[in-house]
PDB file of N, CA and C in Angstrom:
ATOM      1  N   ALA A   1      -5.917  27.737  17.629  1.00  0.00           N
ATOM      2  CA  ALA A   1      -5.808  29.188  17.549  1.00  0.00           C
ATOM      3  C   ALA A   1      -6.318  29.635  16.198  1.00  0.00           C
ATOM      4  N   PRO A   2      -7.013  30.780  16.163  1.00  0.00           N
ATOM      5  CA  PRO A   2      -7.519  31.283  14.884  1.00  0.00           C
ATOM      6  C   PRO A   2      -6.362  31.728  13.998  1.00  0.00           C
ATOM      7  N   PRO A   3      -6.551  31.661  12.663  1.00  0.00           N
ATOM      8  CA  PRO A   3      -5.486  32.082  11.760  1.00  0.00           C
ATOM      9  C   PRO A   3      -5.247  33.581  11.872  1.00  0.00           C
ATOM     10  N   PRO A   4      -4.024  34.011  11.582  1.00  0.00           N
ATOM     11  CA  PRO A   4      -3.744  35.444  11.658  1.00  0.00           C
ATOM     12  C   PRO A   4      -4.514  36.197  10.588  1.00  0.00           C
ATOM     13  N   THR A   5      -4.971  37.384  10.961  1.00  0.00           N
ATOM     14  CA  THR A   5      -5.716  38.208   9.996  1.00  0.00           C
ATOM     15  C   THR A   5      -4.858  39.331   9.446  1.00  0.00           C
ATOM     16  N   ASP A   6      -3.765  39.613  10.101  1.00  0.00           N
ATOM     17  CA  ASP A   6      -2.854  40.651   9.631  1.00  0.00           C
ATOM     18  C   ASP A   6      -2.086  40.111   8.420  1.00  0.00           C
ATOM     19  N   SER A   7      -2.235  40.732   7.239  1.00  0.00           N
ATOM     20  CA  SER A   7      -1.626  40.223   6.018  1.00  0.00           C
ATOM     21  C   SER A   7      -0.104  40.237   6.080  1.00  0.00           C
ATOM     22  N   SER A   8       0.495  41.021   6.948  1.00  0.00           N
ATOM     23  CA  SER A   8       1.947  41.032   7.049  1.00  0.00           C
ATOM     24  C   SER A   8       2.451  39.737   7.684  1.00  0.00           C
ATOM     25  N   ARG A   9       1.643  39.085   8.495  1.00  0.00           N
ATOM     26  CA  ARG A   9       2.037  37.837   9.141  1.00  0.00           C
ATOM     27  C   ARG A   9       1.682  36.614   8.299  1.00  0.00           C
ATOM     28  N   LEU A  10       0.903  36.773   7.229  1.00  0.00           N
ATOM     29  CA  LEU A  10       0.478  35.645   6.420  1.00  0.00           C
ATOM     30  C   LEU A  10       1.520  35.218   5.401  1.00  0.00           C
ATOM     31  N   GLY A  11       2.402  36.054   5.021  1.00  0.00           N
ATOM     32  CA  GLY A  11       3.352  35.738   3.965  1.00  0.00           C
ATOM     33  C   GLY A  11       2.865  36.292   2.639  1.00  0.00           C
ATOM     34  N   ALA A  12       3.772  36.447   1.709  1.00  0.00           N
ATOM     35  CA  ALA A  12       3.449  37.095   0.439  1.00  0.00           C
ATOM     36  C   ALA A  12       2.413  36.315  -0.353  1.00  0.00           C
ATOM     37  N   GLY A  13       2.555  34.986  -0.440  1.00  0.00           N
ATOM     38  CA  GLY A  13       1.628  34.183  -1.220  1.00  0.00           C
ATOM     39  C   GLY A  13       0.225  34.213  -0.650  1.00  0.00           C
ATOM     40  N   ALA A  14       0.107  34.056   0.656  1.00  0.00           N
ATOM     41  CA  ALA A  14      -1.199  34.056   1.298  1.00  0.00           C
ATOM     42  C   ALA A  14      -1.832  35.432   1.241  1.00  0.00           C
ATOM     43  N   ALA A  15      -1.020  36.457   1.376  1.00  0.00           N
ATOM     44  CA  ALA A  15      -1.558  37.812   1.310  1.00  0.00           C
ATOM     45  C   ALA A  15      -2.119  38.085  -0.079  1.00  0.00           C
ATOM     46  N   ALA A  16      -1.464  37.554  -1.108  1.00  0.00           N
ATOM     47  CA  ALA A  16      -1.961  37.744  -2.463  1.00  0.00           C
ATOM     48  C   ALA A  16      -3.289  37.028  -2.649  1.00  0.00           C
ATOM     49  N   VAL A  17      -3.427  35.840  -2.088  1.00  0.00           N
ATOM     50  CA  VAL A  17      -4.686  35.111  -2.189  1.00  0.00           C
ATOM     51  C   VAL A  17      -5.769  35.839  -1.411  1.00  0.00           C
ATOM     52  N   ALA A  18      -5.419  36.333  -0.227  1.00  0.00           N
ATOM     53  CA  ALA A  18      -6.397  37.030   0.595  1.00  0.00           C
ATOM     54  C   ALA A  18      -6.845  38.320  -0.067  1.00  0.00           C
ATOM     55  N   ALA A  19      -5.946  38.958  -0.800  1.00  0.00           N
ATOM     56  CA  ALA A  19      -6.280  40.228  -1.425  1.00  0.00           C
ATOM     57  C   ALA A  19      -6.958  40.045  -2.769  1.00  0.00           C
ATOM     58  N   ALA A  20      -6.885  38.864  -3.370  1.00  0.00           N
ATOM     59  CA  ALA A  20      -7.487  38.646  -4.682  1.00  0.00           C
ATOM     60  C   ALA A  20      -9.000  38.734  -4.575  1.00  0.00           C
ATOM     61  N   ALA A  21      -9.606  39.286  -5.612  1.00  0.00           N
ATOM     62  CA  ALA A  21     -11.062  39.476  -5.610  1.00  0.00           C
ATOM     63  C   ALA A  21     -11.771  38.123  -5.552  1.00  0.00           C
ATOM     64  N   GLY A  22     -12.736  37.990  -4.657  1.00  0.00           N
ATOM     65  CA  GLY A  22     -13.547  36.785  -4.571  1.00  0.00           C
ATOM     66  C   GLY A  22     -12.916  35.645  -3.804  1.00  0.00           C
ATOM     67  N   HIS A  23     -11.747  35.821  -3.225  1.00  0.00           N
ATOM     68  CA  HIS A  23     -11.094  34.749  -2.486  1.00  0.00           C
ATOM     69  C   HIS A  23     -11.002  35.114  -1.009  1.00  0.00           C
ATOM     70  N   GLU A  24     -11.141  34.109  -0.172  1.00  0.00           N
ATOM     71  CA  GLU A  24     -10.967  34.294   1.262  1.00  0.00           C
ATOM     72  C   GLU A  24     -10.054  33.194   1.773  1.00  0.00           C
ATOM     73  N   LEU A  25      -9.412  33.464   2.876  1.00  0.00           N
ATOM     74  CA  LEU A  25      -8.662  32.405   3.541  1.00  0.00           C
ATOM     75  C   LEU A  25      -9.623  31.601   4.391  1.00  0.00           C
ATOM     76  N   ALA A  26      -9.521  30.298   4.309  1.00  0.00           N
ATOM     77  CA  ALA A  26     -10.400  29.442   5.093  1.00  0.00           C
ATOM     78  C   ALA A  26      -9.963  29.442   6.546  1.00  0.00           C
ATOM     79  N   ASP A  27     -10.916  29.294   7.418  1.00  0.00           N
ATOM     80  CA  ASP A  27     -10.643  29.221   8.843  1.00  0.00           C
ATOM     81  C   ASP A  27     -10.641  27.745   9.248  1.00  0.00           C
ATOM     82  N   PHE A  28      -9.502  27.072   9.030  1.00  0.00           N
ATOM     83  CA  PHE A  28      -9.405  25.653   9.359  1.00  0.00           C
ATOM     84  C   PHE A  28      -9.083  25.492  10.832  1.00  0.00           C
ATOM     85  N   PRO A  29      -9.817  24.639  11.525  1.00  0.00           N
ATOM     86  CA  PRO A  29      -9.492  24.388  12.936  1.00  0.00           C
ATOM     87  C   PRO A  29      -8.205  23.562  13.042  1.00  0.00           C
ATOM     88  N   HIS A  30      -7.561  23.664  14.181  1.00  0.00           N
ATOM     89  CA  HIS A  30      -6.345  22.900  14.434  1.00  0.00           C
ATOM     90  C   HIS A  30      -6.724  21.432  14.602  1.00  0.00           C
ATOM     91  N   ARG A  31      -6.057  20.563  13.839  1.00  0.00           N
ATOM     92  CA  ARG A  31      -6.305  19.128  13.925  1.00  0.00           C
ATOM     93  C   ARG A  31      -4.982  18.396  14.068  1.00  0.00           C
ATOM     94  N   GLU A  32      -4.988  17.360  14.893  1.00  0.00           N
ATOM     95  CA  GLU A  32      -3.812  16.512  14.976  1.00  0.00           C
ATOM     96  C   GLU A  32      -3.906  15.475  13.872  1.00  0.00           C
ATOM     97  N   LEU A  33      -2.776  15.078  13.349  1.00  0.00           N
ATOM     98  CA  LEU A  33      -2.734  14.143  12.241  1.00  0.00           C
ATOM     99  C   LEU A  33      -1.763  13.023  12.556  1.00  0.00           C
ATOM    100  N   LEU A  34      -2.168  11.801  12.266  1.00  0.00           N
ATOM    101  CA  LEU A  34      -1.335  10.641  12.529  1.00  0.00           C
ATOM    102  C   LEU A  34      -1.085   9.917  11.214  1.00  0.00           C
ATOM    103  N   PHE A  35       0.181   9.688  10.896  1.00  0.00           N
ATOM    104  CA  PHE A  35       0.558   8.928   9.709  1.00  0.00           C
ATOM    105  C   PHE A  35       1.130   7.597  10.161  1.00  0.00           C
ATOM    106  N   GLY A  36       0.911   6.578   9.356  1.00  0.00           N
ATOM    107  CA  GLY A  36       1.491   5.281   9.656  1.00  0.00           C
ATOM    108  C   GLY A  36       1.863   4.564   8.378  1.00  0.00           C
ATOM    109  N   LEU A  37       2.862   3.738   8.453  1.00  0.00           N
ATOM    110  CA  LEU A  37       3.301   2.950   7.311  1.00  0.00           C
ATOM    111  C   LEU A  37       3.355   1.490   7.707  1.00  0.00           C
ATOM    112  N   THR A  38       3.117   0.633   6.747  1.00  0.00           N
ATOM    113  CA  THR A  38       3.235  -0.790   6.977  1.00  0.00           C
ATOM    114  C   THR A  38       3.870  -1.427   5.755  1.00  0.00           C
ATOM    115  N   THR A  39       4.653  -2.440   5.964  1.00  0.00           N
ATOM    116  CA  THR A  39       5.260  -3.118   4.822  1.00  0.00           C
ATOM    117  C   THR A  39       4.311  -4.165   4.261  1.00  0.00           C
ATOM    118  N   THR A  40       3.419  -4.681   5.065  1.00  0.00           N
ATOM    119  CA  THR A  40       2.496  -5.705   4.609  1.00  0.00           C
ATOM    120  C   THR A  40       1.102  -5.382   5.120  1.00  0.00           C
ATOM    121  N   GLU A  41       0.177  -5.187   4.191  1.00  0.00           N
ATOM    122  CA  GLU A  41      -1.182  -4.816   4.569  1.00  0.00           C
ATOM    123  C   GLU A  41      -2.157  -5.975   4.485  1.00  0.00           C
ATOM    124  N   SER A  42      -1.703  -7.152   4.178  1.00  0.00           N
ATOM    125  CA  SER A  42      -2.623  -8.236   3.863  1.00  0.00           C
ATOM    126  C   SER A  42      -2.799  -9.266   4.974  1.00  0.00           C
ATOM    127  N   TYR A  43      -2.364  -8.993   6.169  1.00  0.00           N
ATOM    128  CA  TYR A  43      -2.492  -9.973   7.244  1.00  0.00           C
ATOM    129  C   TYR A  43      -3.947 -10.341   7.514  1.00  0.00           C
ATOM    130  N   LEU A  44      -4.860  -9.432   7.285  1.00  0.00           N
ATOM    131  CA  LEU A  44      -6.271  -9.712   7.559  1.00  0.00           C
ATOM    132  C   LEU A  44      -6.897 -10.639   6.533  1.00  0.00           C
ATOM    133  N   GLU A  45      -6.217 -10.865   5.423  1.00  0.00           N
ATOM    134  CA  GLU A  45      -6.747 -11.729   4.370  1.00  0.00           C
ATOM    135  C   GLU A  45      -6.520 -13.214   4.654  1.00  0.00           C
ATOM    136  N   PHE A  46      -5.715 -13.551   5.655  1.00  0.00           N
ATOM    137  CA  PHE A  46      -5.367 -14.930   5.932  1.00  0.00           C
ATOM    138  C   PHE A  46      -5.923 -15.374   7.273  1.00  0.00           C
ATOM    139  N   ASN A  47      -6.152 -16.664   7.394  1.00  0.00           N
ATOM    140  CA  ASN A  47      -6.657 -17.176   8.669  1.00  0.00           C
ATOM    141  C   ASN A  47      -5.506 -17.334   9.663  1.00  0.00           C
ATOM    142  N   ALA A  48      -5.847 -17.590  10.905  1.00  0.00           N
ATOM    143  CA  ALA A  48      -4.848 -17.669  11.978  1.00  0.00           C
ATOM    144  C   ALA A  48      -3.863 -18.811  11.747  1.00  0.00           C
ATOM    145  N   GLN A  49      -4.334 -19.928  11.226  1.00  0.00           N
ATOM    146  CA  GLN A  49      -3.454 -21.067  10.984  1.00  0.00           C
ATOM    147  C   GLN A  49      -2.421 -20.739   9.904  1.00  0.00           C
ATOM    148  N   ASP A  50      -2.859 -20.081   8.823  1.00  0.00           N
ATOM    149  CA  ASP A  50      -1.919 -19.674   7.771  1.00  0.00           C
ATOM    150  C   ASP A  50      -0.867 -18.713   8.314  1.00  0.00           C
ATOM    151  N   LEU A  51      -1.300 -17.786   9.132  1.00  0.00           N
ATOM    152  CA  LEU A  51      -0.353 -16.807   9.669  1.00  0.00           C
ATOM    153  C   LEU A  51       0.625 -17.435  10.651  1.00  0.00           C
ATOM    154  N   GLU A  52       0.163 -18.376  11.449  1.00  0.00           N
ATOM    155  CA  GLU A  52       1.037 -18.964  12.457  1.00  0.00           C
ATOM    156  C   GLU A  52       1.989 -20.015  11.882  1.00  0.00           C
ATOM    157  N   PHE A  53       1.484 -20.869  11.012  1.00  0.00           N
ATOM    158  CA  PHE A  53       2.280 -21.998  10.538  1.00  0.00           C
ATOM    159  C   PHE A  53       2.765 -21.861   9.098  1.00  0.00           C
ATOM    160  N   GLY A  54       2.234 -20.889   8.373  1.00  0.00           N
ATOM    161  CA  GLY A  54       2.598 -20.751   6.975  1.00  0.00           C
ATOM    162  C   GLY A  54       1.811 -21.714   6.108  1.00  0.00           C
ATOM    163  N   PHE A  55       2.212 -21.841   4.833  1.00  0.00           N
ATOM    164  CA  PHE A  55       1.523 -22.760   3.929  1.00  0.00           C
ATOM    165  C   PHE A  55       2.475 -23.194   2.826  1.00  0.00           C
ATOM    166  N   ASN A  56       2.051 -24.217   2.091  1.00  0.00           N
ATOM    167  CA  ASN A  56       2.911 -24.793   1.061  1.00  0.00           C
ATOM    168  C   ASN A  56       2.791 -24.009  -0.254  1.00  0.00           C
ATOM    169  N   GLU A  57       3.574 -24.433  -1.230  1.00  0.00           N
ATOM    170  CA  GLU A  57       3.627 -23.710  -2.501  1.00  0.00           C
ATOM    171  C   GLU A  57       2.351 -23.845  -3.314  1.00  0.00           C
ATOM    172  N   SER A  58       1.649 -24.964  -3.205  1.00  0.00           N
ATOM    173  CA  SER A  58       0.410 -25.098  -3.968  1.00  0.00           C
ATOM    174  C   SER A  58      -0.663 -24.138  -3.445  1.00  0.00           C
ATOM    175  N   ARG A  59      -0.716 -23.960  -2.126  1.00  0.00           N
ATOM    176  CA  ARG A  59      -1.647 -22.961  -1.562  1.00  0.00           C
ATOM    177  C   ARG A  59      -1.227 -21.568  -1.997  1.00  0.00           C
ATOM    178  N   ARG A  60       0.068 -21.281  -1.995  1.00  0.00           N
ATOM    179  CA  ARG A  60       0.562 -19.989  -2.459  1.00  0.00           C
ATOM    180  C   ARG A  60       0.134 -19.738  -3.902  1.00  0.00           C
ATOM    181  N   ASP A  61       0.247 -20.752  -4.754  1.00  0.00           N
ATOM    182  CA  ASP A  61      -0.132 -20.596  -6.148  1.00  0.00           C
ATOM    183  C   ASP A  61      -1.614 -20.265  -6.290  1.00  0.00           C
ATOM    184  N   ARG A  62      -2.463 -20.923  -5.512  1.00  0.00           N
ATOM    185  CA  ARG A  62      -3.902 -20.617  -5.559  1.00  0.00           C
ATOM    186  C   ARG A  62      -4.174 -19.194  -5.086  1.00  0.00           C
ATOM    187  N   ILE A  63      -3.478 -18.773  -4.033  1.00  0.00           N
ATOM    188  CA  ILE A  63      -3.648 -17.410  -3.510  1.00  0.00           C
ATOM    189  C   ILE A  63      -3.201 -16.394  -4.550  1.00  0.00           C
ATOM    190  N   LEU A  64      -2.055 -16.634  -5.166  1.00  0.00           N
ATOM    191  CA  LEU A  64      -1.551 -15.702  -6.183  1.00  0.00           C
ATOM    192  C   LEU A  64      -2.487 -15.616  -7.380  1.00  0.00           C
ATOM    193  N   ARG A  65      -2.978 -16.763  -7.838  1.00  0.00           N
ATOM    194  CA  ARG A  65      -3.900 -16.744  -8.985  1.00  0.00           C
ATOM    195  C   ARG A  65      -5.169 -15.957  -8.656  1.00  0.00           C
ATOM    196  N   THR A  66      -5.699 -16.149  -7.470  1.00  0.00           N
ATOM    197  CA  THR A  66      -6.894 -15.403  -7.062  1.00  0.00           C
ATOM    198  C   THR A  66      -6.588 -13.916  -6.963  1.00  0.00           C
ATOM    199  N   PHE A  67      -5.457 -13.579  -6.386  1.00  0.00           N
ATOM    200  CA  PHE A  67      -5.063 -12.173  -6.267  1.00  0.00           C
ATOM    201  C   PHE A  67      -4.952 -11.527  -7.644  1.00  0.00           C
ATOM    202  N   VAL A  68      -4.286 -12.193  -8.571  1.00  0.00           N
ATOM    203  CA  VAL A  68      -4.094 -11.643  -9.918  1.00  0.00           C
ATOM    204  C   VAL A  68      -5.444 -11.495 -10.621  1.00  0.00           C
ATOM    205  N   ARG A  69      -6.299 -12.489 -10.509  1.00  0.00           N
ATOM    206  CA  ARG A  69      -7.626 -12.410 -11.140  1.00  0.00           C
ATOM    207  C   ARG A  69      -8.446 -11.248 -10.601  1.00  0.00           C
ATOM    208  N   ASN A  70      -8.326 -10.963  -9.309  1.00  0.00           N
ATOM    209  CA  ASN A  70      -9.114  -9.895  -8.694  1.00  0.00           C
ATOM    210  C   ASN A  70      -8.511  -8.509  -8.869  1.00  0.00           C
ATOM    211  N   ALA A  71      -7.203  -8.426  -9.096  1.00  0.00           N
ATOM    212  CA  ALA A  71      -6.544  -7.117  -9.124  1.00  0.00           C
ATOM    213  C   ALA A  71      -6.234  -6.601 -10.530  1.00  0.00           C
ATOM    214  N   TYR A  72      -6.206  -7.466 -11.525  1.00  0.00           N
ATOM    215  CA  TYR A  72      -5.768  -7.068 -12.861  1.00  0.00           C
ATOM    216  C   TYR A  72      -6.769  -7.548 -13.909  1.00  0.00           C
ATOM    217  N   TYR A  73      -6.728  -6.914 -15.074  1.00  0.00           N
ATOM    218  CA  TYR A  73      -7.637  -7.267 -16.162  1.00  0.00           C
ATOM    219  C   TYR A  73      -6.939  -7.956 -17.330  1.00  0.00           C
ATOM    220  N   TYR A  74      -5.720  -7.569 -17.608  1.00  0.00           N
ATOM    221  CA  TYR A  74      -5.016  -8.051 -18.790  1.00  0.00           C
ATOM    222  C   TYR A  74      -3.715  -8.750 -18.400  1.00  0.00           C
ATOM    223  N   HIS A  75      -3.252  -9.643 -19.256  1.00  0.00           N
ATOM    224  CA  HIS A  75      -1.965 -10.325 -19.097  1.00  0.00           C
ATOM    225  C   HIS A  75      -1.868 -11.066 -17.765  1.00  0.00           C
ATOM    226  N   LEU A  76      -2.926 -11.752 -17.405  1.00  0.00           N
ATOM    227  CA  LEU A  76      -2.992 -12.399 -16.094  1.00  0.00           C
ATOM    228  C   LEU A  76      -1.918 -13.467 -15.918  1.00  0.00           C
ATOM    229  N   ASN A  77      -1.696 -14.273 -16.934  1.00  0.00           N
ATOM    230  CA  ASN A  77      -0.674 -15.326 -16.806  1.00  0.00           C
ATOM    231  C   ASN A  77       0.717 -14.732 -16.647  1.00  0.00           C
ATOM    232  N   GLU A  78       0.997 -13.662 -17.387  1.00  0.00           N
ATOM    233  CA  GLU A  78       2.310 -13.024 -17.287  1.00  0.00           C
ATOM    234  C   GLU A  78       2.518 -12.399 -15.911  1.00  0.00           C
ATOM    235  N   ILE A  79       1.488 -11.767 -15.393  1.00  0.00           N
ATOM    236  CA  ILE A  79       1.579 -11.142 -14.071  1.00  0.00           C
ATOM    237  C   ILE A  79       1.760 -12.214 -12.992  1.00  0.00           C
ATOM    238  N   TYR A  80       0.974 -13.293 -13.097  1.00  0.00           N
ATOM    239  CA  TYR A  80       1.109 -14.389 -12.145  1.00  0.00           C
ATOM    240  C   TYR A  80       2.526 -14.952 -12.169  1.00  0.00           C
ATOM    241  N   SER A  81       3.035 -15.210 -13.356  1.00  0.00           N
ATOM    242  CA  SER A  81       4.382 -15.776 -13.481  1.00  0.00           C
ATOM    243  C   SER A  81       5.439 -14.829 -12.926  1.00  0.00           C
ATOM    244  N   THR A  82       5.258 -13.542 -13.172  1.00  0.00           N
ATOM    245  CA  THR A  82       6.210 -12.551 -12.662  1.00  0.00           C
ATOM    246  C   THR A  82       6.193 -12.511 -11.142  1.00  0.00           C
ATOM    247  N   LEU A  83       5.016 -12.493 -10.553  1.00  0.00           N
ATOM    248  CA  LEU A  83       4.918 -12.478  -9.091  1.00  0.00           C
ATOM    249  C   LEU A  83       5.528 -13.734  -8.486  1.00  0.00           C
ATOM    250  N   LYS A  84       5.200 -14.871  -9.063  1.00  0.00           N
ATOM    251  CA  LYS A  84       5.731 -16.130  -8.538  1.00  0.00           C
ATOM    252  C   LYS A  84       7.253 -16.148  -8.641  1.00  0.00           C
ATOM    253  N   ASN A  85       7.779 -15.670  -9.751  1.00  0.00           N
ATOM    254  CA  ASN A  85       9.227 -15.643  -9.944  1.00  0.00           C
ATOM    255  C   ASN A  85       9.916 -14.667  -8.997  1.00  0.00           C
ATOM    256  N   GLU A  86       9.374 -13.473  -8.871  1.00  0.00           N
ATOM    257  CA  GLU A  86      10.008 -12.434  -8.060  1.00  0.00           C
ATOM    258  C   GLU A  86       9.941 -12.726  -6.569  1.00  0.00           C
ATOM    259  N   TYR A  87       8.893 -13.397  -6.133  1.00  0.00           N
ATOM    260  CA  TYR A  87       8.707 -13.623  -4.704  1.00  0.00           C
ATOM    261  C   TYR A  87       8.967 -15.073  -4.300  1.00  0.00           C
ATOM    262  N   THR A  88       9.802 -15.762  -5.043  1.00  0.00           N
ATOM    263  CA  THR A  88      10.258 -17.100  -4.676  1.00  0.00           C
ATOM    264  C   THR A  88      11.731 -17.008  -4.329  1.00  0.00           C
ATOM    265  N   ASP A  89      12.099 -17.608  -3.229  1.00  0.00           N
ATOM    266  CA  ASP A  89      13.501 -17.630  -2.824  1.00  0.00           C
ATOM    267  C   ASP A  89      14.189 -18.773  -3.565  1.00  0.00           C
ATOM    268  N   TRP A  90      14.842 -18.452  -4.660  1.00  0.00           N
ATOM    269  CA  TRP A  90      15.439 -19.459  -5.530  1.00  0.00           C
ATOM    270  C   TRP A  90      16.720 -20.049  -4.950  1.00  0.00           C
ATOM    271  N   ASP A  91      17.241 -19.484  -3.885  1.00  0.00           N
ATOM    272  CA  ASP A  91      18.447 -20.026  -3.255  1.00  0.00           C
ATOM    273  C   ASP A  91      18.155 -21.269  -2.417  1.00  0.00           C
ATOM    274  N   LYS A  92      16.901 -21.470  -2.085  1.00  0.00           N
ATOM    275  CA  LYS A  92      16.533 -22.612  -1.250  1.00  0.00           C
ATOM    276  C   LYS A  92      15.776 -23.634  -2.095  1.00  0.00           C
ATOM    277  N   PRO A  93      16.301 -24.853  -2.215  1.00  0.00           N
ATOM    278  CA  PRO A  93      15.608 -25.866  -3.022  1.00  0.00           C
ATOM    279  C   PRO A  93      14.273 -26.301  -2.407  1.00  0.00           C
ATOM    280  N   VAL A  94      14.191 -26.303  -1.082  1.00  0.00           N
ATOM    281  CA  VAL A  94      12.944 -26.645  -0.398  1.00  0.00           C
ATOM    282  C   VAL A  94      12.463 -25.396   0.321  1.00  0.00           C
ATOM    283  N   GLN A  95      11.230 -25.021   0.035  1.00  0.00           N
ATOM    284  CA  GLN A  95      10.678 -23.805   0.613  1.00  0.00           C
ATOM    285  C   GLN A  95      10.070 -24.078   1.983  1.00  0.00           C
ATOM    286  N   ASN A  96      10.439 -23.266   2.957  1.00  0.00           N
ATOM    287  CA  ASN A  96       9.888 -23.323   4.296  1.00  0.00           C
ATOM    288  C   ASN A  96       8.480 -22.718   4.254  1.00  0.00           C
ATOM    289  N   PRO A  97       7.472 -23.339   4.886  1.00  0.00           N
ATOM    290  CA  PRO A  97       6.111 -22.785   4.862  1.00  0.00           C
ATOM    291  C   PRO A  97       6.030 -21.344   5.374  1.00  0.00           C
ATOM    292  N   LEU A  98       6.873 -20.991   6.336  1.00  0.00           N
ATOM    293  CA  LEU A  98       6.845 -19.612   6.845  1.00  0.00           C
ATOM    294  C   LEU A  98       7.427 -18.631   5.836  1.00  0.00           C
ATOM    295  N   SER A  99       8.467 -19.022   5.128  1.00  0.00           N
ATOM    296  CA  SER A  99       9.023 -18.116   4.120  1.00  0.00           C
ATOM    297  C   SER A  99       8.095 -18.000   2.922  1.00  0.00           C
ATOM    298  N   VAL A 100       7.379 -19.089   2.592  1.00  0.00           N
ATOM    299  CA  VAL A 100       6.370 -19.018   1.524  1.00  0.00           C
ATOM    300  C   VAL A 100       5.268 -18.052   1.945  1.00  0.00           C
ATOM    301  N   ARG A 101       4.843 -18.135   3.197  1.00  0.00           N
ATOM    302  CA  ARG A 101       3.830 -17.207   3.722  1.00  0.00           C
ATOM    303  C   ARG A 101       4.305 -15.768   3.630  1.00  0.00           C
ATOM    304  N   ASP A 102       5.522 -15.498   4.076  1.00  0.00           N
ATOM    305  CA  ASP A 102       6.046 -14.129   4.066  1.00  0.00           C
ATOM    306  C   ASP A 102       6.139 -13.559   2.655  1.00  0.00           C
ATOM    307  N   ALA A 103       6.617 -14.371   1.729  1.00  0.00           N
ATOM    308  CA  ALA A 103       6.724 -13.918   0.345  1.00  0.00           C
ATOM    309  C   ALA A 103       5.345 -13.654  -0.249  1.00  0.00           C
ATOM    310  N   THR A 104       4.373 -14.487   0.089  1.00  0.00           N
ATOM    311  CA  THR A 104       3.007 -14.306  -0.413  1.00  0.00           C
ATOM    312  C   THR A 104       2.392 -13.036   0.155  1.00  0.00           C
ATOM    313  N   LEU A 105       2.639 -12.763   1.419  1.00  0.00           N
ATOM    314  CA  LEU A 105       2.135 -11.533   2.014  1.00  0.00           C
ATOM    315  C   LEU A 105       2.730 -10.302   1.328  1.00  0.00           C
ATOM    316  N   GLU A 106       3.969 -10.374   0.933  1.00  0.00           N
ATOM    317  CA  GLU A 106       4.609  -9.249   0.251  1.00  0.00           C
ATOM    318  C   GLU A 106       3.993  -8.987  -1.117  1.00  0.00           C
ATOM    319  N   THR A 107       3.515 -10.019  -1.801  1.00  0.00           N
ATOM    320  CA  THR A 107       2.978  -9.830  -3.147  1.00  0.00           C
ATOM    321  C   THR A 107       1.702  -9.026  -3.152  1.00  0.00           C
ATOM    322  N   SER A 108       0.917  -9.083  -2.084  1.00  0.00           N
ATOM    323  CA  SER A 108      -0.361  -8.382  -2.101  1.00  0.00           C
ATOM    324  C   SER A 108      -0.200  -6.877  -2.045  1.00  0.00           C
ATOM    325  N   GLY A 109       0.978  -6.403  -1.738  1.00  0.00           N
ATOM    326  CA  GLY A 109       1.230  -4.970  -1.766  1.00  0.00           C
ATOM    327  C   GLY A 109       1.759  -4.480  -3.101  1.00  0.00           C
ATOM    328  N   VAL A 110       1.796  -5.343  -4.104  1.00  0.00           N
ATOM    329  CA  VAL A 110       2.335  -5.002  -5.410  1.00  0.00           C
ATOM    330  C   VAL A 110       1.255  -4.310  -6.228  1.00  0.00           C
ATOM    331  N   SER A 111       1.615  -3.189  -6.829  1.00  0.00           N
ATOM    332  CA  SER A 111       0.678  -2.499  -7.713  1.00  0.00           C
ATOM    333  C   SER A 111       1.111  -2.694  -9.162  1.00  0.00           C
ATOM    334  N   ALA A 112       0.273  -2.272 -10.082  1.00  0.00           N
ATOM    335  CA  ALA A 112       0.585  -2.427 -11.504  1.00  0.00           C
ATOM    336  C   ALA A 112       1.855  -1.676 -11.879  1.00  0.00           C
ATOM    337  N   GLU A 113       2.143  -0.578 -11.204  1.00  0.00           N
ATOM    338  CA  GLU A 113       3.347   0.189 -11.490  1.00  0.00           C
ATOM    339  C   GLU A 113       4.605  -0.571 -11.104  1.00  0.00           C
ATOM    340  N   ASP A 114       4.500  -1.481 -10.137  1.00  0.00           N
ATOM    341  CA  ASP A 114       5.660  -2.255  -9.693  1.00  0.00           C
ATOM    342  C   ASP A 114       6.060  -3.335 -10.690  1.00  0.00           C
ATOM    343  N   LEU A 115       5.102  -3.752 -11.518  1.00  0.00           N
ATOM    344  CA  LEU A 115       5.389  -4.851 -12.455  1.00  0.00           C
ATOM    345  C   LEU A 115       6.082  -4.377 -13.656  1.00  0.00           C
TER     346      LEU A 115
END
């Protein structure tokens, strides 16, 4: 539907913009919008075997080091150590390959503001 042209139906703020010299209200068409959220965006970065069976801690360490090298410029060792520490389940003495996979997937959503 076209936008209303009667300034009484636009509201005070819009009417002021419409009445201001040199300004017009844009005629935006009606569009549907879809929003989505995901907790882990990195599933496409891993192969099918890694996703299905998980991987060991040495593979996780290589993945984390590569991620840190590609995402950050400074303090790489500190960032790597922080990620490894924060995303390791310290309650379990032996890490399950699937839990190592899940924790590694969570790290790729970490931004510099999170550290």
